[in-house]
């Protein structure tokens, strides 16, 4: 198993930057995009590079983003979404 080369804080920053880019791209709809995870996956995959210590597919990123969204809602967590998602992604990709 290869460990991540990226910290949760750095990954959270990349997630936030991706969210801002997505919102700008969908400004006309105020960021509304039912397929947001697909858009995020392409953008995030480019930003990540080898930061996870292994290649990651866009499909895996979509899965992890959707899983994080559903889990945070189910947990009722008030943690900022980028850090919550980053921790889940790192936990899942390091196991």
N, C-alpha and C. Protein backbone atom coordinates (compact mmCIF):
# COMPACT_ATOMS: atom_id res chain seq x y z
N UNK A 1 0.85 -1.18 0.00
CA UNK A 1 0.00 0.00 0.00
C UNK A 1 0.89 1.24 0.00
N UNK A 2 0.56 2.18 -0.84
CA UNK A 2 1.29 3.44 -0.91
C UNK A 2 0.50 4.50 -0.19
N UNK A 3 1.18 5.29 0.64
CA UNK A 3 0.50 6.34 1.39
C UNK A 3 0.35 7.60 0.58
N UNK A 4 -0.57 8.44 1.01
CA UNK A 4 -0.80 9.71 0.35
C UNK A 4 0.40 10.62 0.50
N UNK A 5 0.59 11.44 -0.49
CA UNK A 5 1.64 12.45 -0.45
C UNK A 5 1.05 13.82 -0.18
N UNK A 6 -0.24 13.87 0.04
CA UNK A 6 -0.94 15.13 0.21
C UNK A 6 -1.62 15.14 1.58
N UNK A 7 -1.62 16.28 2.22
CA UNK A 7 -2.27 16.39 3.53
C UNK A 7 -3.76 16.64 3.36
N UNK A 8 -4.51 16.41 4.41
CA UNK A 8 -5.95 16.69 4.38
C UNK A 8 -6.19 18.18 4.13
N UNK A 9 -5.39 19.03 4.74
CA UNK A 9 -5.57 20.48 4.53
C UNK A 9 -5.32 20.87 3.08
N UNK A 10 -4.29 20.30 2.46
CA UNK A 10 -3.99 20.62 1.05
C UNK A 10 -5.10 20.08 0.15
N UNK A 11 -5.56 18.87 0.41
CA UNK A 11 -6.64 18.31 -0.39
C UNK A 11 -7.91 19.13 -0.21
N UNK A 12 -8.19 19.57 1.01
CA UNK A 12 -9.35 20.42 1.26
C UNK A 12 -9.25 21.71 0.45
N UNK A 13 -8.04 22.27 0.37
CA UNK A 13 -7.83 23.48 -0.43
C UNK A 13 -8.11 23.21 -1.91
N UNK A 14 -7.65 22.07 -2.41
CA UNK A 14 -7.92 21.71 -3.81
C UNK A 14 -9.41 21.53 -4.04
N UNK A 15 -10.11 20.93 -3.09
CA UNK A 15 -11.56 20.75 -3.21
C UNK A 15 -12.26 22.11 -3.23
N UNK A 16 -11.83 23.02 -2.37
CA UNK A 16 -12.43 24.35 -2.34
C UNK A 16 -12.17 25.09 -3.65
N UNK A 17 -10.94 25.01 -4.16
CA UNK A 17 -10.63 25.64 -5.45
C UNK A 17 -11.47 25.04 -6.57
N UNK A 18 -11.67 23.74 -6.53
CA UNK A 18 -12.49 23.08 -7.53
C UNK A 18 -13.94 23.56 -7.42
N UNK A 19 -14.43 23.69 -6.20
CA UNK A 19 -15.79 24.20 -6.00
C UNK A 19 -15.95 25.61 -6.53
N UNK A 20 -14.95 26.45 -6.30
CA UNK A 20 -15.01 27.82 -6.80
C UNK A 20 -14.99 27.85 -8.33
N UNK A 21 -14.15 27.01 -8.93
CA UNK A 21 -14.09 26.94 -10.40
C UNK A 21 -15.41 26.43 -10.96
N UNK A 22 -16.00 25.44 -10.29
CA UNK A 22 -17.28 24.91 -10.74
C UNK A 22 -18.36 25.98 -10.65
N UNK A 23 -18.38 26.69 -9.55
CA UNK A 23 -19.39 27.74 -9.38
C UNK A 23 -19.23 28.81 -10.46
N UNK A 24 -17.99 29.16 -10.78
CA UNK A 24 -17.75 30.15 -11.84
C UNK A 24 -18.21 29.62 -13.19
N UNK A 25 -17.96 28.33 -13.45
CA UNK A 25 -18.36 27.73 -14.72
C UNK A 25 -19.89 27.65 -14.86
N UNK A 26 -20.56 27.53 -13.73
CA UNK A 26 -22.02 27.41 -13.74
C UNK A 26 -22.68 28.65 -13.13
N UNK A 27 -22.04 29.79 -13.32
CA UNK A 27 -22.53 31.05 -12.75
C UNK A 27 -23.96 31.35 -13.18
N UNK A 28 -24.30 31.06 -14.41
CA UNK A 28 -25.65 31.34 -14.92
C UNK A 28 -26.72 30.58 -14.15
N UNK A 29 -26.35 29.44 -13.57
CA UNK A 29 -27.31 28.64 -12.81
C UNK A 29 -27.02 28.72 -11.31
N UNK A 30 -26.21 29.69 -10.91
CA UNK A 30 -25.81 29.88 -9.51
C UNK A 30 -25.18 28.61 -8.94
N UNK A 31 -24.42 27.93 -9.78
CA UNK A 31 -23.70 26.74 -9.35
C UNK A 31 -24.51 25.46 -9.38
N UNK A 32 -25.76 25.54 -9.76
CA UNK A 32 -26.62 24.36 -9.79
C UNK A 32 -26.21 23.44 -10.94
N UNK A 33 -25.87 22.22 -10.60
CA UNK A 33 -25.45 21.22 -11.58
C UNK A 33 -25.68 19.84 -10.96
N UNK A 34 -26.71 19.13 -11.40
CA UNK A 34 -26.98 17.81 -10.82
C UNK A 34 -25.86 16.80 -11.06
N UNK A 35 -25.01 17.06 -12.03
CA UNK A 35 -23.89 16.17 -12.33
C UNK A 35 -22.57 16.76 -11.84
N UNK A 36 -22.62 17.52 -10.75
CA UNK A 36 -21.45 18.24 -10.24
C UNK A 36 -20.25 17.34 -10.02
N UNK A 37 -20.47 16.13 -9.53
CA UNK A 37 -19.36 15.24 -9.20
C UNK A 37 -18.56 14.86 -10.46
N UNK A 38 -19.25 14.75 -11.59
CA UNK A 38 -18.54 14.46 -12.85
C UNK A 38 -17.62 15.61 -13.22
N UNK A 39 -18.10 16.84 -13.09
CA UNK A 39 -17.28 18.02 -13.40
C UNK A 39 -16.11 18.10 -12.43
N UNK A 40 -16.39 17.94 -11.14
CA UNK A 40 -15.34 18.01 -10.13
C UNK A 40 -14.25 16.97 -10.40
N UNK A 41 -14.65 15.76 -10.82
CA UNK A 41 -13.68 14.67 -10.96
C UNK A 41 -12.60 15.00 -11.98
N UNK A 42 -12.98 15.57 -13.11
CA UNK A 42 -11.98 15.92 -14.11
C UNK A 42 -11.06 17.02 -13.63
N UNK A 43 -11.63 18.02 -13.02
CA UNK A 43 -10.85 19.15 -12.51
C UNK A 43 -9.93 18.69 -11.39
N UNK A 44 -10.47 17.94 -10.46
CA UNK A 44 -9.70 17.49 -9.30
C UNK A 44 -8.62 16.49 -9.67
N UNK A 45 -8.90 15.63 -10.61
CA UNK A 45 -7.89 14.64 -11.03
C UNK A 45 -6.64 15.35 -11.56
N UNK A 46 -6.84 16.41 -12.31
CA UNK A 46 -5.72 17.19 -12.83
C UNK A 46 -4.94 17.85 -11.69
N UNK A 47 -5.65 18.44 -10.74
CA UNK A 47 -4.99 19.11 -9.62
C UNK A 47 -4.24 18.15 -8.70
N UNK A 48 -4.79 16.95 -8.54
CA UNK A 48 -4.20 15.97 -7.62
C UNK A 48 -2.87 15.43 -8.10
N UNK A 49 -2.74 15.21 -9.39
CA UNK A 49 -1.53 14.57 -9.89
C UNK A 49 -1.31 13.26 -9.17
N UNK A 50 -0.13 13.05 -8.61
CA UNK A 50 0.15 11.82 -7.87
C UNK A 50 0.07 12.05 -6.36
N UNK A 51 -0.68 13.05 -5.95
CA UNK A 51 -0.79 13.41 -4.55
C UNK A 51 -1.33 12.33 -3.64
N UNK A 52 -2.06 11.39 -4.20
CA UNK A 52 -2.60 10.30 -3.38
C UNK A 52 -1.64 9.12 -3.31
N UNK A 53 -0.51 9.23 -4.00
CA UNK A 53 0.47 8.15 -3.97
C UNK A 53 0.16 7.01 -4.91
N UNK A 54 -0.89 7.16 -5.67
CA UNK A 54 -1.28 6.16 -6.67
C UNK A 54 -2.23 6.84 -7.65
N UNK A 55 -2.36 6.28 -8.84
CA UNK A 55 -3.30 6.85 -9.80
C UNK A 55 -4.74 6.70 -9.28
N UNK A 56 -5.57 7.65 -9.63
CA UNK A 56 -6.99 7.58 -9.26
C UNK A 56 -7.81 7.94 -10.49
N UNK A 57 -8.84 7.15 -10.73
CA UNK A 57 -9.68 7.39 -11.90
C UNK A 57 -10.74 8.43 -11.61
N UNK A 58 -11.27 9.01 -12.67
CA UNK A 58 -12.36 9.97 -12.50
C UNK A 58 -13.56 9.28 -11.87
N UNK A 59 -13.82 8.04 -12.25
CA UNK A 59 -14.95 7.30 -11.67
C UNK A 59 -14.79 7.13 -10.17
N UNK A 60 -13.58 6.84 -9.72
CA UNK A 60 -13.34 6.68 -8.29
C UNK A 60 -13.55 8.01 -7.57
N UNK A 61 -13.11 9.10 -8.19
CA UNK A 61 -13.31 10.42 -7.58
C UNK A 61 -14.80 10.73 -7.47
N UNK A 62 -15.57 10.45 -8.51
CA UNK A 62 -17.02 10.66 -8.46
C UNK A 62 -17.62 9.88 -7.31
N UNK A 63 -17.24 8.62 -7.20
CA UNK A 63 -17.75 7.77 -6.12
C UNK A 63 -17.42 8.37 -4.75
N UNK A 64 -16.16 8.77 -4.56
CA UNK A 64 -15.73 9.30 -3.27
C UNK A 64 -16.42 10.62 -2.94
N UNK A 65 -16.61 11.48 -3.93
CA UNK A 65 -17.30 12.75 -3.70
C UNK A 65 -18.75 12.52 -3.29
N UNK A 66 -19.43 11.64 -4.01
CA UNK A 66 -20.83 11.35 -3.69
C UNK A 66 -20.95 10.67 -2.33
N UNK A 67 -20.02 9.77 -2.04
CA UNK A 67 -20.01 9.10 -0.73
C UNK A 67 -19.82 10.13 0.38
N UNK A 68 -18.89 11.06 0.19
CA UNK A 68 -18.63 12.08 1.20
C UNK A 68 -19.86 12.97 1.40
N UNK A 69 -20.50 13.34 0.31
CA UNK A 69 -21.69 14.19 0.42
C UNK A 69 -22.79 13.48 1.22
N UNK A 70 -23.04 12.23 0.89
CA UNK A 70 -24.09 11.48 1.59
C UNK A 70 -23.72 11.22 3.05
N UNK A 71 -22.46 10.89 3.29
CA UNK A 71 -22.03 10.59 4.66
C UNK A 71 -22.07 11.84 5.53
N UNK A 72 -21.67 12.98 5.00
CA UNK A 72 -21.71 14.20 5.80
C UNK A 72 -23.14 14.56 6.14
N UNK A 73 -24.05 14.39 5.20
CA UNK A 73 -25.46 14.67 5.46
C UNK A 73 -26.01 13.71 6.52
N UNK A 74 -25.65 12.44 6.41
CA UNK A 74 -26.13 11.44 7.36
C UNK A 74 -25.56 11.67 8.76
N UNK A 75 -24.29 12.09 8.82
CA UNK A 75 -23.64 12.36 10.11
C UNK A 75 -24.16 13.64 10.76
N UNK A 76 -24.69 14.53 9.94
CA UNK A 76 -25.10 15.83 10.46
C UNK A 76 -23.90 16.68 10.85
N UNK A 77 -22.76 16.37 10.25
CA UNK A 77 -21.52 17.08 10.57
C UNK A 77 -21.59 18.54 10.14
N UNK A 78 -21.07 19.41 10.99
CA UNK A 78 -20.99 20.83 10.66
C UNK A 78 -19.58 21.23 10.22
N UNK A 79 -18.70 20.24 10.09
CA UNK A 79 -17.35 20.50 9.60
C UNK A 79 -17.44 21.06 8.18
N UNK A 80 -16.57 21.98 7.83
CA UNK A 80 -16.55 22.53 6.48
C UNK A 80 -16.43 21.38 5.48
N UNK A 81 -17.25 21.43 4.43
CA UNK A 81 -17.31 20.31 3.49
C UNK A 81 -15.95 19.97 2.89
N UNK A 82 -15.09 20.94 2.51
CA UNK A 82 -13.83 20.52 1.89
C UNK A 82 -12.96 19.65 2.80
N UNK A 83 -12.89 19.98 4.08
CA UNK A 83 -12.07 19.19 4.99
C UNK A 83 -12.73 17.84 5.29
N UNK A 84 -14.04 17.83 5.43
CA UNK A 84 -14.76 16.57 5.64
C UNK A 84 -14.51 15.63 4.47
N UNK A 85 -14.69 16.14 3.24
CA UNK A 85 -14.49 15.33 2.04
C UNK A 85 -13.04 14.87 1.94
N UNK A 86 -12.09 15.78 2.23
CA UNK A 86 -10.67 15.43 2.14
C UNK A 86 -10.32 14.29 3.07
N UNK A 87 -10.79 14.35 4.31
CA UNK A 87 -10.50 13.28 5.26
C UNK A 87 -11.09 11.96 4.81
N UNK A 88 -12.32 11.98 4.29
CA UNK A 88 -12.93 10.74 3.81
C UNK A 88 -12.15 10.19 2.62
N UNK A 89 -11.79 11.06 1.69
CA UNK A 89 -11.04 10.60 0.50
C UNK A 89 -9.71 10.00 0.92
N UNK A 90 -9.01 10.66 1.80
CA UNK A 90 -7.72 10.13 2.23
C UNK A 90 -7.87 8.82 3.00
N UNK A 91 -8.87 8.72 3.85
CA UNK A 91 -9.12 7.47 4.57
C UNK A 91 -9.41 6.34 3.60
N UNK A 92 -10.27 6.59 2.62
CA UNK A 92 -10.65 5.55 1.67
C UNK A 92 -9.52 5.16 0.72
N UNK A 93 -8.71 6.11 0.31
CA UNK A 93 -7.65 5.79 -0.64
C UNK A 93 -6.40 5.24 0.02
N UNK A 94 -6.30 5.36 1.34
CA UNK A 94 -5.16 4.82 2.05
C UNK A 94 -5.44 3.46 2.68
N UNK A 95 -6.69 2.99 2.57
CA UNK A 95 -6.99 1.70 3.20
C UNK A 95 -6.85 0.55 2.24
